[in-house]
Amino acid sequence: MELLIIILFLTGIVGAVLPVLPGSLITAAALLAGMYEAESFTFNTWLWVIVGIAVFVADYLLPSFLTKLGGGSKRAAIGAGIGLVIGLITGPFMIVGALLGAFIGEYLEQKDASHSLKSAFMAVLGLLTGIVIKLAYTIAMPIVYYWNVVS
């Protein structure tokens, strides 16, 4: 069971960067599995699992929120997500793909290059912010787990 927990934690960290894996949910599942094995469910365990779910939800809302904050449309946020995935498939060009996707999506909507560029940067900022938050959570949870259960 310990090996499964380690694999889940590592997969969660990878999922924090790769948009096809729900990193924070996988990490929360690893935390629950570890606490189940140790038979030590506490209020803190449930709190961290809820935080993981909140991080998952925030990760999907941030790009759209920041894009709209920058004056962009939903097409820019969708384009950023599509560009991110295409960039991921074609190599280490996730951010460039997201930027281009958001720019193209917004340009199709507004036909204004400067406005589209601003929206694209805000969409990418949302994606990067989500990645940073997921990384913080997915890296911190194995530390919390091993601090509380193993030691």
C-alpha atoms as a PDB file:
ATOM      1  CA  MET A   1       0.000   0.000   0.000  1.00  0.00           C
ATOM      2  CA  GLU A   2       2.905   2.332   0.758  1.00  0.00           C
ATOM      3  CA  LEU A   3       4.145   2.000  -2.830  1.00  0.00           C
ATOM      4  CA  LEU A   4       0.702   2.930  -4.151  1.00  0.00           C
ATOM      5  CA  ILE A   5       0.654   6.030  -1.950  1.00  0.00           C
ATOM      6  CA  ILE A   6       4.084   7.087  -3.211  1.00  0.00           C
ATOM      7  CA  ILE A   7       2.989   6.532  -6.823  1.00  0.00           C
ATOM      8  CA  LEU A   8      -0.156   8.592  -6.224  1.00  0.00           C
ATOM      9  CA  PHE A   9       1.837  11.431  -4.668  1.00  0.00           C
ATOM     10  CA  LEU A  10       4.295  11.435  -7.590  1.00  0.00           C
ATOM     11  CA  THR A  11       1.470  11.277 -10.126  1.00  0.00           C
ATOM     12  CA  GLY A  12      -0.170  14.205  -8.358  1.00  0.00           C
ATOM     13  CA  ILE A  13       2.996  16.279  -8.723  1.00  0.00           C
ATOM     14  CA  VAL A  14       3.207  15.409 -12.420  1.00  0.00           C
ATOM     15  CA  GLY A  15      -0.492  16.227 -12.731  1.00  0.00           C
ATOM     16  CA  ALA A  16       0.150  19.676 -11.304  1.00  0.00           C
ATOM     17  CA  VAL A  17       1.992  20.521 -14.516  1.00  0.00           C
ATOM     18  CA  LEU A  18       0.210  18.331 -17.060  1.00  0.00           C
ATOM     19  CA  PRO A  19      -3.310  19.568 -17.766  1.00  0.00           C
ATOM     20  CA  VAL A  20      -4.613  16.068 -18.527  1.00  0.00           C
ATOM     21  CA  LEU A  21      -4.158  14.806 -14.955  1.00  0.00           C
ATOM     22  CA  PRO A  22      -6.055  16.216 -11.955  1.00  0.00           C
ATOM     23  CA  GLY A  23      -2.958  16.581  -9.790  1.00  0.00           C
ATOM     24  CA  SER A  24      -4.574  17.993  -6.682  1.00  0.00           C
ATOM     25  CA  LEU A  25      -7.320  15.341  -6.662  1.00  0.00           C
ATOM     26  CA  ILE A  26      -4.779  12.551  -7.080  1.00  0.00           C
ATOM     27  CA  THR A  27      -2.733  14.009  -4.236  1.00  0.00           C
ATOM     28  CA  ALA A  28      -5.839  14.278  -2.040  1.00  0.00           C
ATOM     29  CA  ALA A  29      -6.601  10.620  -2.826  1.00  0.00           C
ATOM     30  CA  ALA A  30      -3.046   9.685  -1.846  1.00  0.00           C
ATOM     31  CA  LEU A  31      -3.445  11.579   1.407  1.00  0.00           C
ATOM     32  CA  LEU A  32      -6.723   9.787   2.143  1.00  0.00           C
ATOM     33  CA  ALA A  33      -5.200   6.404   1.282  1.00  0.00           C
ATOM     34  CA  GLY A  34      -2.250   7.097   3.545  1.00  0.00           C
ATOM     35  CA  MET A  35      -4.410   8.186   6.425  1.00  0.00           C
ATOM     36  CA  TYR A  36      -6.682   5.160   5.905  1.00  0.00           C
ATOM     37  CA  GLU A  37      -3.688   2.856   6.066  1.00  0.00           C
ATOM     38  CA  ALA A  38      -2.404   4.569   9.200  1.00  0.00           C
ATOM     39  CA  GLU A  39      -5.929   4.659  10.654  1.00  0.00           C
ATOM     40  CA  SER A  40      -5.415   8.256  11.660  1.00  0.00           C
ATOM     41  CA  PHE A  41      -8.178  10.340  10.144  1.00  0.00           C
ATOM     42  CA  THR A  42      -8.127  13.724  11.754  1.00  0.00           C
ATOM     43  CA  PHE A  43      -9.771  17.058  11.171  1.00  0.00           C
ATOM     44  CA  ASN A  44      -6.555  18.195   9.465  1.00  0.00           C
ATOM     45  CA  THR A  45      -6.758  15.278   7.023  1.00  0.00           C
ATOM     46  CA  TRP A  46     -10.233  16.253   5.926  1.00  0.00           C
ATOM     47  CA  LEU A  47      -9.246  19.903   5.795  1.00  0.00           C
ATOM     48  CA  TRP A  48      -6.335  19.157   3.441  1.00  0.00           C
ATOM     49  CA  VAL A  49      -8.565  16.985   1.263  1.00  0.00           C
ATOM     50  CA  ILE A  50     -11.072  19.845   1.014  1.00  0.00           C
ATOM     51  CA  VAL A  51      -8.212  22.205   0.150  1.00  0.00           C
ATOM     52  CA  GLY A  52      -7.199  19.792  -2.623  1.00  0.00           C
ATOM     53  CA  ILE A  53     -10.713  19.846  -4.045  1.00  0.00           C
ATOM     54  CA  ALA A  54     -10.753  23.650  -3.827  1.00  0.00           C
ATOM     55  CA  VAL A  55      -7.405  23.822  -5.645  1.00  0.00           C
ATOM     56  CA  PHE A  56      -8.844  21.581  -8.369  1.00  0.00           C
ATOM     57  CA  VAL A  57     -11.878  23.839  -8.805  1.00  0.00           C
ATOM     58  CA  ALA A  58      -9.799  27.033  -8.666  1.00  0.00           C
ATOM     59  CA  ASP A  59      -7.445  25.672 -11.305  1.00  0.00           C
ATOM     60  CA  TYR A  60     -10.315  25.493 -13.775  1.00  0.00           C
ATOM     61  CA  LEU A  61     -11.818  28.851 -12.819  1.00  0.00           C
ATOM     62  CA  LEU A  62      -8.645  30.972 -12.697  1.00  0.00           C
ATOM     63  CA  PRO A  63      -7.902  31.194 -16.437  1.00  0.00           C
ATOM     64  CA  SER A  64     -11.447  32.220 -17.241  1.00  0.00           C
ATOM     65  CA  PHE A  65     -11.598  34.673 -14.335  1.00  0.00           C
ATOM     66  CA  LEU A  66      -8.299  36.373 -15.162  1.00  0.00           C
ATOM     67  CA  THR A  67      -9.137  36.442 -18.863  1.00  0.00           C
ATOM     68  CA  LYS A  68     -12.402  38.209 -18.126  1.00  0.00           C
ATOM     69  CA  LEU A  69     -10.564  40.513 -15.711  1.00  0.00           C
ATOM     70  CA  GLY A  70      -8.295  41.460 -18.610  1.00  0.00           C
ATOM     71  CA  GLY A  71     -11.312  42.191 -20.811  1.00  0.00           C
ATOM     72  CA  GLY A  72     -11.192  38.929 -22.719  1.00  0.00           C
ATOM     73  CA  SER A  73     -13.946  36.608 -23.792  1.00  0.00           C
ATOM     74  CA  LYS A  74     -14.611  32.983 -23.009  1.00  0.00           C
ATOM     75  CA  ARG A  75     -13.091  32.114 -26.386  1.00  0.00           C
ATOM     76  CA  ALA A  76      -9.707  33.368 -25.171  1.00  0.00           C
ATOM     77  CA  ALA A  77      -9.837  31.087 -22.116  1.00  0.00           C
ATOM     78  CA  ILE A  78     -10.946  28.128 -24.230  1.00  0.00           C
ATOM     79  CA  GLY A  79      -8.239  28.899 -26.792  1.00  0.00           C
ATOM     80  CA  ALA A  80      -5.646  29.018 -24.013  1.00  0.00           C
ATOM     81  CA  GLY A  81      -6.691  25.583 -22.798  1.00  0.00           C
ATOM     82  CA  ILE A  82      -6.642  24.114 -26.298  1.00  0.00           C
ATOM     83  CA  GLY A  83      -3.286  25.729 -27.040  1.00  0.00           C
ATOM     84  CA  LEU A  84      -1.895  24.409 -23.757  1.00  0.00           C
ATOM     85  CA  VAL A  85      -2.870  20.840 -24.625  1.00  0.00           C
ATOM     86  CA  ILE A  86      -1.579  21.144 -28.204  1.00  0.00           C
ATOM     87  CA  GLY A  87       1.643  22.659 -26.891  1.00  0.00           C
ATOM     88  CA  LEU A  88       1.959  19.791 -24.461  1.00  0.00           C
ATOM     89  CA  ILE A  89       1.517  17.212 -27.212  1.00  0.00           C
ATOM     90  CA  THR A  90       3.952  18.908 -29.591  1.00  0.00           C
ATOM     91  CA  GLY A  91       6.713  19.399 -27.064  1.00  0.00           C
ATOM     92  CA  PRO A  92       7.681  21.764 -24.271  1.00  0.00           C
ATOM     93  CA  PHE A  93       5.719  24.656 -25.747  1.00  0.00           C
ATOM     94  CA  MET A  94       2.764  24.635 -23.343  1.00  0.00           C
ATOM     95  CA  ILE A  95       2.943  28.341 -22.543  1.00  0.00           C
ATOM     96  CA  VAL A  96       3.508  29.382 -26.163  1.00  0.00           C
ATOM     97  CA  GLY A  97       0.606  27.166 -27.215  1.00  0.00           C
ATOM     98  CA  ALA A  98      -1.632  28.643 -24.531  1.00  0.00           C
ATOM     99  CA  LEU A  99      -0.647  32.188 -25.501  1.00  0.00           C
ATOM    100  CA  LEU A 100      -1.287  31.567 -29.194  1.00  0.00           C
ATOM    101  CA  GLY A 101      -4.532  29.729 -28.508  1.00  0.00           C
ATOM    102  CA  ALA A 102      -5.856  32.528 -26.320  1.00  0.00           C
ATOM    103  CA  PHE A 103      -4.761  35.158 -28.826  1.00  0.00           C
ATOM    104  CA  ILE A 104      -6.452  33.365 -31.726  1.00  0.00           C
ATOM    105  CA  GLY A 105      -9.614  32.724 -29.705  1.00  0.00           C
ATOM    106  CA  GLU A 106      -9.908  36.359 -28.658  1.00  0.00           C
ATOM    107  CA  TYR A 107      -8.960  37.693 -32.088  1.00  0.00           C
ATOM    108  CA  LEU A 108     -11.753  35.640 -33.665  1.00  0.00           C
ATOM    109  CA  GLU A 109     -14.132  37.292 -31.211  1.00  0.00           C
ATOM    110  CA  GLN A 110     -12.901  40.928 -31.181  1.00  0.00           C
ATOM    111  CA  LYS A 111     -10.760  41.447 -34.323  1.00  0.00           C
ATOM    112  CA  ASP A 112      -8.436  43.684 -32.288  1.00  0.00           C
ATOM    113  CA  ALA A 113      -4.820  42.512 -31.995  1.00  0.00           C
ATOM    114  CA  SER A 114      -3.808  44.618 -28.972  1.00  0.00           C
ATOM    115  CA  HIS A 115      -6.920  43.660 -27.025  1.00  0.00           C
ATOM    116  CA  SER A 116      -6.403  40.013 -28.005  1.00  0.00           C
ATOM    117  CA  LEU A 117      -2.798  40.097 -26.836  1.00  0.00           C
ATOM    118  CA  LYS A 118      -3.778  41.525 -23.443  1.00  0.00           C
ATOM    119  CA  SER A 119      -6.463  38.859 -23.063  1.00  0.00           C
ATOM    120  CA  ALA A 120      -3.985  36.165 -24.085  1.00  0.00           C
ATOM    121  CA  PHE A 121      -1.477  37.270 -21.450  1.00  0.00           C
ATOM    122  CA  MET A 122      -4.184  37.273 -18.778  1.00  0.00           C
ATOM    123  CA  ALA A 123      -5.337  33.782 -19.815  1.00  0.00           C
ATOM    124  CA  VAL A 124      -1.760  32.489 -19.627  1.00  0.00           C
ATOM    125  CA  LEU A 125      -1.330  34.210 -16.254  1.00  0.00           C
ATOM    126  CA  GLY A 126      -4.385  32.294 -15.055  1.00  0.00           C
ATOM    127  CA  LEU A 127      -2.969  29.011 -16.324  1.00  0.00           C
ATOM    128  CA  LEU A 128       0.422  29.657 -14.730  1.00  0.00           C
ATOM    129  CA  THR A 129      -1.161  30.711 -11.453  1.00  0.00           C
ATOM    130  CA  GLY A 130      -3.145  27.477 -11.416  1.00  0.00           C
ATOM    131  CA  ILE A 131       0.007  25.451 -12.054  1.00  0.00           C
ATOM    132  CA  VAL A 132       1.868  27.209  -9.236  1.00  0.00           C
ATOM    133  CA  ILE A 133      -0.998  26.643  -6.781  1.00  0.00           C
ATOM    134  CA  LYS A 134      -1.270  22.974  -7.782  1.00  0.00           C
ATOM    135  CA  LEU A 135       2.478  22.506  -7.449  1.00  0.00           C
ATOM    136  CA  ALA A 136       2.473  24.074  -3.995  1.00  0.00           C
ATOM    137  CA  TYR A 137      -0.322  21.764  -2.870  1.00  0.00           C
ATOM    138  CA  THR A 138       1.003  18.585  -4.483  1.00  0.00           C
ATOM    139  CA  ILE A 139       4.507  19.112  -3.126  1.00  0.00           C
ATOM    140  CA  ALA A 140       3.346  20.084   0.361  1.00  0.00           C
ATOM    141  CA  MET A 141       0.981  17.155   0.892  1.00  0.00           C
ATOM    142  CA  PRO A 142       3.583  14.356   0.792  1.00  0.00           C
ATOM    143  CA  ILE A 143       5.589  16.373   3.297  1.00  0.00           C
ATOM    144  CA  VAL A 144       2.530  16.777   5.525  1.00  0.00           C
ATOM    145  CA  TYR A 145       1.738  13.077   5.180  1.00  0.00           C
ATOM    146  CA  TYR A 146       5.214  11.870   6.055  1.00  0.00           C
ATOM    147  CA  TRP A 147       5.541  14.407   8.842  1.00  0.00           C
ATOM    148  CA  ASN A 148       2.283  13.252  10.483  1.00  0.00           C
ATOM    149  CA  VAL A 149       2.206   9.538   9.697  1.00  0.00           C
ATOM    150  CA  VAL A 150       5.668   8.189   9.063  1.00  0.00           C
ATOM    151  CA  SER A 151       7.635  10.113  11.660  1.00  0.00           C
END
